[in-house]
Amino acid sequence: PLEPRARILPEEKLEAALIMDDRSAVEELVRDESLGVAEERKQYLYKEALRRNPDLVDRLQHLYDGHCQVCRWSPVDEYGEPLCEGHQIQWLSRGGTTRSTT
Protein backbone atom coordinates (compact mmCIF):
# COMPACT_ATOMS: atom_id res chain seq x y z
CA PRO A 1 0.00 0.00 0.00
CA LEU A 2 1.04 3.58 -0.61
CA GLU A 3 2.26 5.63 2.33
CA PRO A 4 -0.60 8.10 2.88
CA ARG A 5 1.73 10.86 4.09
CA ALA A 6 4.06 10.56 1.11
CA ARG A 7 3.98 13.22 -1.56
CA ILE A 8 5.48 13.99 -4.91
CA LEU A 9 6.43 17.64 -5.18
CA PRO A 10 6.16 19.49 -8.52
CA GLU A 11 9.58 18.73 -9.97
CA GLU A 12 10.03 21.93 -11.97
CA LYS A 13 9.13 24.21 -9.04
CA LEU A 14 11.35 22.30 -6.63
CA GLU A 15 14.29 22.24 -9.03
CA ALA A 16 13.97 25.98 -9.73
CA ALA A 17 13.94 26.78 -6.01
CA LEU A 18 16.97 24.56 -5.41
CA ILE A 19 18.93 26.05 -8.31
CA MET A 20 18.16 29.57 -7.09
CA ASP A 21 19.22 28.51 -3.58
CA ASP A 22 15.86 29.82 -2.35
CA ARG A 23 15.34 28.03 0.94
CA SER A 24 12.09 29.86 1.69
CA ALA A 25 10.61 28.77 -1.68
CA VAL A 26 11.53 25.14 -0.94
CA GLU A 27 10.02 25.37 2.54
CA GLU A 28 6.87 26.99 1.12
CA LEU A 29 6.53 24.28 -1.52
CA VAL A 30 6.89 21.51 1.07
CA ARG A 31 4.48 23.25 3.45
CA ASP A 32 1.79 24.06 0.87
CA GLU A 33 1.70 20.86 -1.19
CA SER A 34 -1.00 18.47 -0.06
CA LEU A 35 -0.14 15.03 1.25
CA GLY A 36 -0.36 12.00 -0.96
CA VAL A 37 0.13 11.52 -4.65
CA ALA A 38 -2.12 13.61 -6.87
CA GLU A 39 -4.49 11.58 -9.01
CA GLU A 40 -3.10 13.20 -12.18
CA ARG A 41 0.42 12.14 -11.21
CA LYS A 42 -0.74 8.56 -10.58
CA GLN A 43 -2.33 8.44 -14.03
CA TYR A 44 0.91 9.67 -15.60
CA LEU A 45 3.13 7.26 -13.66
CA TYR A 46 0.96 4.21 -14.28
CA LYS A 47 -0.16 4.84 -17.85
CA GLU A 48 1.90 7.47 -19.66
CA ALA A 49 5.42 7.49 -18.22
CA LEU A 50 8.14 6.01 -20.39
CA ARG A 51 9.20 2.53 -19.33
CA ARG A 52 12.79 1.48 -18.78
CA ASN A 53 14.13 -1.27 -21.01
CA PRO A 54 14.83 -4.29 -18.74
CA ASP A 55 17.10 -5.88 -21.37
CA LEU A 56 19.28 -2.77 -21.35
CA VAL A 57 19.54 -2.93 -17.55
CA ASP A 58 20.70 -6.56 -17.79
CA ARG A 59 23.25 -5.73 -20.49
CA LEU A 60 24.64 -2.80 -18.49
CA GLN A 61 24.89 -4.94 -15.34
CA HIS A 62 26.95 -7.43 -17.33
CA LEU A 63 29.01 -4.76 -19.14
CA TYR A 64 29.98 -3.02 -15.90
CA ASP A 65 30.29 -6.29 -13.96
CA GLY A 66 27.95 -5.06 -11.23
CA HIS A 67 29.93 -1.83 -10.69
CA CYS A 68 28.29 1.58 -10.71
CA GLN A 69 28.70 3.07 -14.19
CA VAL A 70 29.17 6.57 -12.74
CA CYS A 71 31.51 6.08 -9.77
CA ARG A 72 32.69 2.47 -10.43
CA TRP A 73 31.82 1.44 -6.84
CA SER A 74 31.39 -2.30 -6.44
CA PRO A 75 28.91 -3.41 -3.78
CA VAL A 76 29.94 -7.02 -4.44
CA ASP A 77 33.41 -6.26 -3.06
CA GLU A 78 31.94 -4.73 0.10
CA TYR A 79 28.69 -6.64 0.68
CA GLY A 80 28.98 -9.72 -1.51
CA GLU A 81 25.81 -8.79 -3.40
CA PRO A 82 25.20 -6.99 -6.72
CA LEU A 83 23.22 -4.02 -5.37
CA CYS A 84 23.56 -1.50 -8.22
CA GLU A 85 20.32 -0.79 -10.08
CA GLY A 86 19.74 0.42 -13.60
CA HIS A 87 18.69 4.04 -14.04
CA GLN A 88 19.04 6.54 -16.84
CA ILE A 89 21.96 8.92 -16.36
CA GLN A 90 19.89 11.45 -18.27
CA TRP A 91 16.29 11.28 -17.05
CA LEU A 92 13.75 9.97 -19.54
CA SER A 93 11.62 13.04 -18.81
CA ARG A 94 14.55 15.21 -19.88
CA GLY A 95 15.21 13.51 -23.18
CA GLY A 96 17.11 10.44 -22.00
CA THR A 97 16.87 7.28 -24.07
CA THR A 98 15.92 3.70 -23.28
CA ARG A 99 18.61 2.51 -25.69
CA SER A 100 22.27 1.90 -24.93
CA THR A 101 24.73 4.58 -25.97
CA THR A 102 27.75 2.71 -24.56
Foldseek 3Di string as FASTA:
>chain_A
DDDQQAEDFDVVQCVVCVVVVPVVSNVCRVVPDDGDYDPVVVCCVVPPDDDADVVVFVVVCVVLVLADPPPRDHVCVVPVDSDDGDDFPQHVVRVTDNDDPD
